[in-house]
Amino acid sequence: MEAKCFEANKTSLELLHQIRDLNQVLDQYEAQTNSMKEQIHEAVSKHVAESQTLQTYIVDLKTRILQYTPVKGDPLDLCLADFINNHPNRKKLKI
């Protein structure tokens, strides 16, 4: 009877050690995951700020550049506006 009790206690102790070891591994993974989450959050925040700055810069540039506005409903004028507004060297056009 004592031998069975000893074996049961020994098995219980081994299981407790395994549970402790698994909890330590789980804590390590949780710490790594939290660190990765923080890094991702920082990177996303940085890129969002850069994107907003670039959008503001684009809007500012577009307001500085005159755009040819075509007459509504005129397909030829629409093509002309597209050509003028998207030409790589607008100074060369002498407009």
N, C-alpha and C. Protein backbone atom coordinates (compact mmCIF):
# COMPACT_ATOMS: atom_id res chain seq x y z
N MET A 1 0.81 -1.19 0.00
CA MET A 1 0.00 0.00 0.00
C MET A 1 0.86 1.26 0.00
N GLU A 2 1.92 1.25 0.83
CA GLU A 2 2.81 2.40 0.88
C GLU A 2 3.52 2.61 -0.45
N ALA A 3 3.84 1.54 -1.12
CA ALA A 3 4.52 1.63 -2.41
C ALA A 3 3.62 2.30 -3.45
N LYS A 4 2.33 1.94 -3.43
CA LYS A 4 1.39 2.57 -4.37
C LYS A 4 1.23 4.05 -4.08
N CYS A 5 1.16 4.38 -2.79
CA CYS A 5 1.04 5.79 -2.38
C CYS A 5 2.29 6.56 -2.79
N PHE A 6 3.45 5.95 -2.59
CA PHE A 6 4.72 6.58 -2.97
C PHE A 6 4.77 6.83 -4.47
N GLU A 7 4.38 5.84 -5.27
CA GLU A 7 4.38 5.96 -6.72
C GLU A 7 3.39 7.05 -7.18
N ALA A 8 2.23 7.11 -6.54
CA ALA A 8 1.24 8.12 -6.90
C ALA A 8 1.77 9.51 -6.59
N ASN A 9 2.40 9.65 -5.42
CA ASN A 9 2.99 10.95 -5.06
C ASN A 9 4.12 11.32 -6.02
N LYS A 10 4.92 10.35 -6.38
CA LYS A 10 6.04 10.58 -7.31
C LYS A 10 5.50 11.03 -8.67
N THR A 11 4.46 10.36 -9.15
CA THR A 11 3.84 10.73 -10.43
C THR A 11 3.23 12.12 -10.36
N SER A 12 2.58 12.43 -9.25
CA SER A 12 1.99 13.76 -9.07
C SER A 12 3.07 14.83 -9.07
N LEU A 13 4.17 14.56 -8.41
CA LEU A 13 5.27 15.51 -8.37
C LEU A 13 5.87 15.74 -9.75
N GLU A 14 6.04 14.68 -10.52
CA GLU A 14 6.56 14.80 -11.88
C GLU A 14 5.61 15.62 -12.75
N LEU A 15 4.32 15.38 -12.60
CA LEU A 15 3.34 16.15 -13.37
C LEU A 15 3.36 17.63 -12.98
N LEU A 16 3.51 17.91 -11.71
CA LEU A 16 3.61 19.30 -11.25
C LEU A 16 4.85 20.00 -11.83
N HIS A 17 5.97 19.26 -11.89
CA HIS A 17 7.19 19.82 -12.49
C HIS A 17 6.98 20.11 -13.98
N GLN A 18 6.30 19.21 -14.66
CA GLN A 18 6.02 19.43 -16.09
C GLN A 18 5.11 20.63 -16.29
N ILE A 19 4.11 20.77 -15.42
CA ILE A 19 3.20 21.92 -15.51
C ILE A 19 3.97 23.22 -15.26
N ARG A 20 4.86 23.21 -14.27
CA ARG A 20 5.67 24.39 -13.98
C ARG A 20 6.54 24.75 -15.18
N ASP A 21 7.17 23.75 -15.79
CA ASP A 21 8.02 23.99 -16.95
C ASP A 21 7.21 24.55 -18.13
N LEU A 22 6.02 23.99 -18.34
CA LEU A 22 5.16 24.48 -19.42
C LEU A 22 4.70 25.91 -19.16
N ASN A 23 4.43 26.24 -17.91
CA ASN A 23 4.04 27.61 -17.56
C ASN A 23 5.18 28.59 -17.82
N GLN A 24 6.42 28.16 -17.54
CA GLN A 24 7.57 29.01 -17.82
C GLN A 24 7.71 29.26 -19.32
N VAL A 25 7.54 28.22 -20.12
CA VAL A 25 7.62 28.36 -21.58
C VAL A 25 6.50 29.28 -22.07
N LEU A 26 5.32 29.10 -21.52
CA LEU A 26 4.18 29.93 -21.90
C LEU A 26 4.44 31.40 -21.55
N ASP A 27 5.02 31.65 -20.38
CA ASP A 27 5.36 33.02 -19.98
C ASP A 27 6.38 33.64 -20.93
N GLN A 28 7.35 32.84 -21.38
CA GLN A 28 8.35 33.34 -22.32
C GLN A 28 7.70 33.70 -23.65
N TYR A 29 6.82 32.85 -24.15
CA TYR A 29 6.13 33.14 -25.41
C TYR A 29 5.25 34.37 -25.27
N GLU A 30 4.61 34.52 -24.13
CA GLU A 30 3.76 35.68 -23.91
C GLU A 30 4.58 36.96 -23.89
N ALA A 31 5.74 36.93 -23.28
CA ALA A 31 6.63 38.09 -23.24
C ALA A 31 7.11 38.44 -24.65
N GLN A 32 7.46 37.42 -25.43
CA GLN A 32 7.91 37.66 -26.80
C GLN A 32 6.77 38.23 -27.65
N THR A 33 5.57 37.69 -27.46
CA THR A 33 4.42 38.17 -28.21
C THR A 33 4.12 39.62 -27.87
N ASN A 34 4.18 39.97 -26.60
CA ASN A 34 3.93 41.35 -26.20
C ASN A 34 4.98 42.29 -26.78
N SER A 35 6.21 41.84 -26.80
CA SER A 35 7.28 42.65 -27.39
C SER A 35 7.05 42.87 -28.88
N MET A 36 6.64 41.81 -29.56
CA MET A 36 6.36 41.93 -31.00
C MET A 36 5.17 42.85 -31.25
N LYS A 37 4.15 42.75 -30.41
CA LYS A 37 2.99 43.63 -30.55
C LYS A 37 3.39 45.09 -30.42
N GLU A 38 4.25 45.38 -29.45
CA GLU A 38 4.72 46.75 -29.25
C GLU A 38 5.51 47.23 -30.47
N GLN A 39 6.37 46.38 -31.00
CA GLN A 39 7.17 46.76 -32.17
C GLN A 39 6.27 47.02 -33.38
N ILE A 40 5.27 46.18 -33.56
CA ILE A 40 4.34 46.36 -34.68
C ILE A 40 3.55 47.65 -34.50
N HIS A 41 3.09 47.90 -33.28
CA HIS A 41 2.33 49.13 -33.01
C HIS A 41 3.18 50.37 -33.30
N GLU A 42 4.43 50.35 -32.87
CA GLU A 42 5.33 51.48 -33.12
C GLU A 42 5.55 51.68 -34.62
N ALA A 43 5.76 50.59 -35.34
CA ALA A 43 6.00 50.68 -36.79
C ALA A 43 4.77 51.21 -37.51
N VAL A 44 3.59 50.72 -37.13
CA VAL A 44 2.36 51.18 -37.76
C VAL A 44 2.14 52.65 -37.47
N SER A 45 2.35 53.06 -36.23
CA SER A 45 2.17 54.47 -35.86
C SER A 45 3.11 55.36 -36.66
N LYS A 46 4.34 54.90 -36.82
CA LYS A 46 5.33 55.67 -37.57
C LYS A 46 4.90 55.81 -39.03
N HIS A 47 4.44 54.72 -39.62
CA HIS A 47 4.04 54.74 -41.03
C HIS A 47 2.76 55.54 -41.25
N VAL A 48 1.86 55.51 -40.29
CA VAL A 48 0.63 56.31 -40.39
C VAL A 48 0.99 57.80 -40.36
N ALA A 49 1.90 58.17 -39.48
CA ALA A 49 2.32 59.57 -39.40
C ALA A 49 3.01 59.99 -40.70
N GLU A 50 3.88 59.13 -41.24
CA GLU A 50 4.55 59.44 -42.50
C GLU A 50 3.55 59.56 -43.64
N SER A 51 2.56 58.68 -43.65
CA SER A 51 1.54 58.72 -44.69
C SER A 51 0.73 60.00 -44.62
N GLN A 52 0.37 60.42 -43.43
CA GLN A 52 -0.38 61.67 -43.27
C GLN A 52 0.45 62.87 -43.71
N THR A 53 1.73 62.85 -43.40
CA THR A 53 2.61 63.94 -43.82
C THR A 53 2.70 63.99 -45.34
N LEU A 54 2.85 62.82 -45.97
CA LEU A 54 2.93 62.77 -47.43
C LEU A 54 1.62 63.21 -48.08
N GLN A 55 0.48 62.82 -47.50
CA GLN A 55 -0.80 63.24 -48.05
C GLN A 55 -0.95 64.76 -47.98
N THR A 56 -0.54 65.34 -46.86
CA THR A 56 -0.59 66.80 -46.72
C THR A 56 0.32 67.46 -47.75
N TYR A 57 1.50 66.89 -47.94
CA TYR A 57 2.45 67.43 -48.90
C TYR A 57 1.89 67.35 -50.32
N ILE A 58 1.26 66.26 -50.66
CA ILE A 58 0.67 66.09 -52.00
C ILE A 58 -0.44 67.11 -52.23
N VAL A 59 -1.29 67.28 -51.23
CA VAL A 59 -2.38 68.25 -51.36
C VAL A 59 -1.80 69.65 -51.54
N ASP A 60 -0.77 69.97 -50.79
CA ASP A 60 -0.13 71.27 -50.91
C ASP A 60 0.47 71.46 -52.29
N LEU A 61 1.14 70.44 -52.81
CA LEU A 61 1.72 70.54 -54.15
C LEU A 61 0.64 70.71 -55.22
N LYS A 62 -0.45 69.98 -55.08
CA LYS A 62 -1.53 70.08 -56.06
C LYS A 62 -2.15 71.47 -56.07
N THR A 63 -2.20 72.12 -54.91
CA THR A 63 -2.77 73.47 -54.87
C THR A 63 -1.82 74.49 -55.49
N ARG A 64 -0.54 74.19 -55.50
CA ARG A 64 0.44 75.12 -56.08
C ARG A 64 0.51 75.00 -57.60
N ILE A 65 0.15 73.83 -58.12
CA ILE A 65 0.24 73.60 -59.55
C ILE A 65 -1.12 73.89 -60.17
N LEU A 66 -1.12 74.72 -61.17
CA LEU A 66 -2.37 75.02 -61.86
C LEU A 66 -2.80 73.81 -62.66
N GLN A 67 -4.06 73.53 -62.63
CA GLN A 67 -4.61 72.41 -63.36
C GLN A 67 -5.54 72.94 -64.46
N TYR A 68 -5.43 72.35 -65.61
CA TYR A 68 -6.35 72.67 -66.70
C TYR A 68 -7.66 71.94 -66.42
N THR A 69 -8.74 72.70 -66.35
CA THR A 69 -10.05 72.12 -66.08
C THR A 69 -10.83 72.03 -67.38
N PRO A 70 -11.20 70.82 -67.78
CA PRO A 70 -11.92 70.67 -69.06
C PRO A 70 -13.39 71.08 -68.93
N VAL A 71 -13.97 71.36 -70.07
CA VAL A 71 -15.40 71.65 -70.13
C VAL A 71 -16.14 70.34 -69.89
N LYS A 72 -17.16 70.40 -69.04
CA LYS A 72 -17.92 69.19 -68.72
C LYS A 72 -18.61 68.65 -69.96
N GLY A 73 -18.50 67.35 -70.14
CA GLY A 73 -19.20 66.68 -71.22
C GLY A 73 -18.47 66.72 -72.55
N ASP A 74 -17.29 67.34 -72.62
CA ASP A 74 -16.54 67.42 -73.88
C ASP A 74 -15.40 66.40 -73.82
N PRO A 75 -15.51 65.27 -74.54
CA PRO A 75 -14.48 64.24 -74.46
C PRO A 75 -13.12 64.70 -75.01
N LEU A 76 -13.13 65.55 -76.03
CA LEU A 76 -11.88 66.05 -76.59
C LEU A 76 -11.17 66.95 -75.57
N ASP A 77 -11.93 67.82 -74.93
CA ASP A 77 -11.36 68.71 -73.92
C ASP A 77 -10.86 67.90 -72.71
N LEU A 78 -11.56 66.82 -72.39
CA LEU A 78 -11.13 65.94 -71.30
C LEU A 78 -9.79 65.29 -71.61
N CYS A 79 -9.62 64.84 -72.85
CA CYS A 79 -8.33 64.26 -73.27
C CYS A 79 -7.23 65.30 -73.25
N LEU A 80 -7.54 66.52 -73.70
CA LEU A 80 -6.57 67.61 -73.68
C LEU A 80 -6.15 67.93 -72.25
N ALA A 81 -7.12 67.98 -71.34
CA ALA A 81 -6.82 68.26 -69.93
C ALA A 81 -5.95 67.16 -69.34
N ASP A 82 -6.23 65.92 -69.66
CA ASP A 82 -5.43 64.81 -69.17
C ASP A 82 -4.00 64.91 -69.68
N PHE A 83 -3.85 65.27 -70.95
CA PHE A 83 -2.51 65.42 -71.55
C PHE A 83 -1.75 66.56 -70.87
N ILE A 84 -2.41 67.71 -70.72
CA ILE A 84 -1.73 68.88 -70.14
C ILE A 84 -1.39 68.64 -68.67
N ASN A 85 -2.35 68.16 -67.92
CA ASN A 85 -2.15 68.01 -66.47
C ASN A 85 -1.16 66.92 -66.11
N ASN A 86 -0.97 65.95 -66.97
CA ASN A 86 -0.07 64.84 -66.66
C ASN A 86 1.22 64.86 -67.47
N HIS A 87 1.45 65.91 -68.20
CA HIS A 87 2.68 66.01 -69.00
C HIS A 87 3.88 66.12 -68.07
N PRO A 88 4.97 65.38 -68.33
CA PRO A 88 6.12 65.40 -67.43
C PRO A 88 6.85 66.74 -67.40
N ASN A 89 6.80 67.49 -68.48
CA ASN A 89 7.50 68.77 -68.51
C ASN A 89 6.53 69.84 -69.00
N ARG A 90 5.76 70.38 -68.09
CA ARG A 90 4.70 71.32 -68.47
C ARG A 90 5.26 72.64 -68.98
N LYS A 91 6.47 73.03 -68.55
CA LYS A 91 7.07 74.27 -69.03
C LYS A 91 7.34 74.19 -70.53
N LYS A 92 7.63 73.01 -70.99
CA LYS A 92 7.93 72.80 -72.41
C LYS A 92 6.68 73.04 -73.25
N LEU A 93 5.51 72.88 -72.67
CA LEU A 93 4.26 73.07 -73.40
C LEU A 93 3.98 74.55 -73.68
N LYS A 94 4.61 75.44 -72.93
CA LYS A 94 4.42 76.89 -73.09
C LYS A 94 2.97 77.30 -72.93
N ILE A 95 2.39 76.89 -71.84
CA ILE A 95 0.98 77.24 -71.55
C ILE A 95 0.95 78.29 -70.49
